[in-house]
């Protein structure tokens, strides 16, 4: 009887340690509520992209997936080539 109680107690302690190991290392990411946050805040998105190099926005008249893919295949390479080789 005493041995079976020790086995149950050891199993319970082992499961508790396993749960603490599994969930103890995980952290909760804090919610950022800053107005100057570049992703979630009210800052101008174009200013973010301009600070990291050339940015080519997708035209607003493209509504369907096929139109967007066609623009990316035909027009976007021309625009990127112009940025890479500016005319003097």
Protein backbone atom coordinates (compact mmCIF):
# COMPACT_ATOMS: atom_id res chain seq x y z
CA UNK A 1 0.00 0.00 0.00
CA UNK A 2 2.78 2.43 0.91
CA UNK A 3 4.66 1.63 -2.29
CA UNK A 4 1.59 2.33 -4.44
CA UNK A 5 1.06 5.67 -2.68
CA UNK A 6 4.70 6.60 -3.29
CA UNK A 7 4.33 5.67 -6.97
CA UNK A 8 1.21 7.85 -7.30
CA UNK A 9 2.91 10.72 -5.48
CA UNK A 10 6.05 10.41 -7.63
CA UNK A 11 3.90 10.37 -10.78
CA UNK A 12 2.02 13.46 -9.70
CA UNK A 13 5.24 15.33 -8.89
CA UNK A 14 6.71 14.21 -12.21
CA UNK A 15 3.70 15.47 -14.15
CA UNK A 16 3.81 18.76 -12.28
CA UNK A 17 7.48 19.20 -13.17
CA UNK A 18 6.75 18.25 -16.76
CA UNK A 19 3.99 20.87 -16.98
CA UNK A 20 6.20 23.52 -15.40
CA UNK A 21 8.98 22.71 -17.85
CA UNK A 22 6.61 22.77 -20.81
CA UNK A 23 4.73 25.98 -19.98
CA UNK A 24 7.23 27.74 -17.70
CA UNK A 25 9.59 28.91 -20.46
CA UNK A 26 6.92 30.48 -22.60
CA UNK A 27 6.38 34.20 -22.35
CA UNK A 28 3.46 36.35 -23.34
CA UNK A 29 4.31 39.03 -25.89
CA UNK A 30 3.25 42.43 -24.60
CA UNK A 31 0.70 44.42 -26.51
CA UNK A 32 2.20 47.60 -27.93
CA UNK A 33 -0.20 50.53 -27.82
CA UNK A 34 2.25 53.21 -28.88
CA UNK A 35 1.08 55.68 -31.54
CA UNK A 36 4.58 55.73 -33.03
CA UNK A 37 4.72 51.98 -33.55
CA UNK A 38 5.66 51.55 -37.23
CA UNK A 39 3.40 48.58 -37.80
CA UNK A 40 0.36 49.18 -35.59
CA UNK A 41 0.49 52.91 -34.95
CA UNK A 42 -0.71 55.94 -36.87
CA UNK A 43 2.65 56.64 -38.50
CA UNK A 44 2.67 57.04 -42.29
CA UNK A 45 3.36 53.62 -43.87
CA UNK A 46 5.12 55.21 -46.85
CA UNK A 47 7.69 56.79 -44.52
CA UNK A 48 8.54 53.33 -43.24
CA UNK A 49 9.15 51.92 -46.70
CA UNK A 50 11.04 54.97 -47.91
CA UNK A 51 13.44 54.68 -45.00
CA UNK A 52 14.48 51.18 -46.14
CA UNK A 53 15.06 51.87 -49.83
CA UNK A 54 12.89 52.03 -52.94
CA UNK A 55 9.24 51.13 -52.59
CA UNK A 56 6.89 50.55 -55.49
CA UNK A 57 3.26 50.59 -54.40
CA UNK A 58 0.80 48.38 -56.21
CA UNK A 59 -1.70 50.49 -58.17
CA UNK A 60 -5.09 50.87 -56.58
CA UNK A 61 -7.04 49.98 -59.71
CA UNK A 62 -5.91 46.33 -59.49
CA UNK A 63 -8.70 44.44 -57.77
CA UNK A 64 -8.46 40.77 -58.74
CA UNK A 65 -5.64 38.32 -58.15
CA UNK A 66 -5.15 37.87 -61.91
CA UNK A 67 -4.78 41.61 -62.45
CA UNK A 68 -2.21 41.83 -59.65
CA UNK A 69 -0.21 38.87 -60.98
CA UNK A 70 -0.27 40.31 -64.49
CA UNK A 71 0.97 43.68 -63.19
CA UNK A 72 3.74 41.98 -61.21
CA UNK A 73 4.86 39.98 -64.25
CA UNK A 74 4.67 42.76 -66.88
CA UNK A 75 5.01 46.16 -65.22
CA UNK A 76 6.93 45.59 -62.00
CA UNK A 77 10.15 44.34 -63.71
CA UNK A 78 10.16 47.51 -65.85
CA UNK A 79 9.79 49.72 -62.78
CA UNK A 80 12.51 47.90 -60.84
CA UNK A 81 14.85 48.10 -63.84
CA UNK A 82 14.31 51.88 -63.96
CA UNK A 83 15.19 52.16 -60.28
CA UNK A 84 18.30 49.99 -60.69
CA UNK A 85 19.47 51.89 -63.80
CA UNK A 86 18.33 55.50 -63.51
CA UNK A 87 18.49 57.54 -66.69
CA UNK A 88 20.86 60.45 -66.64
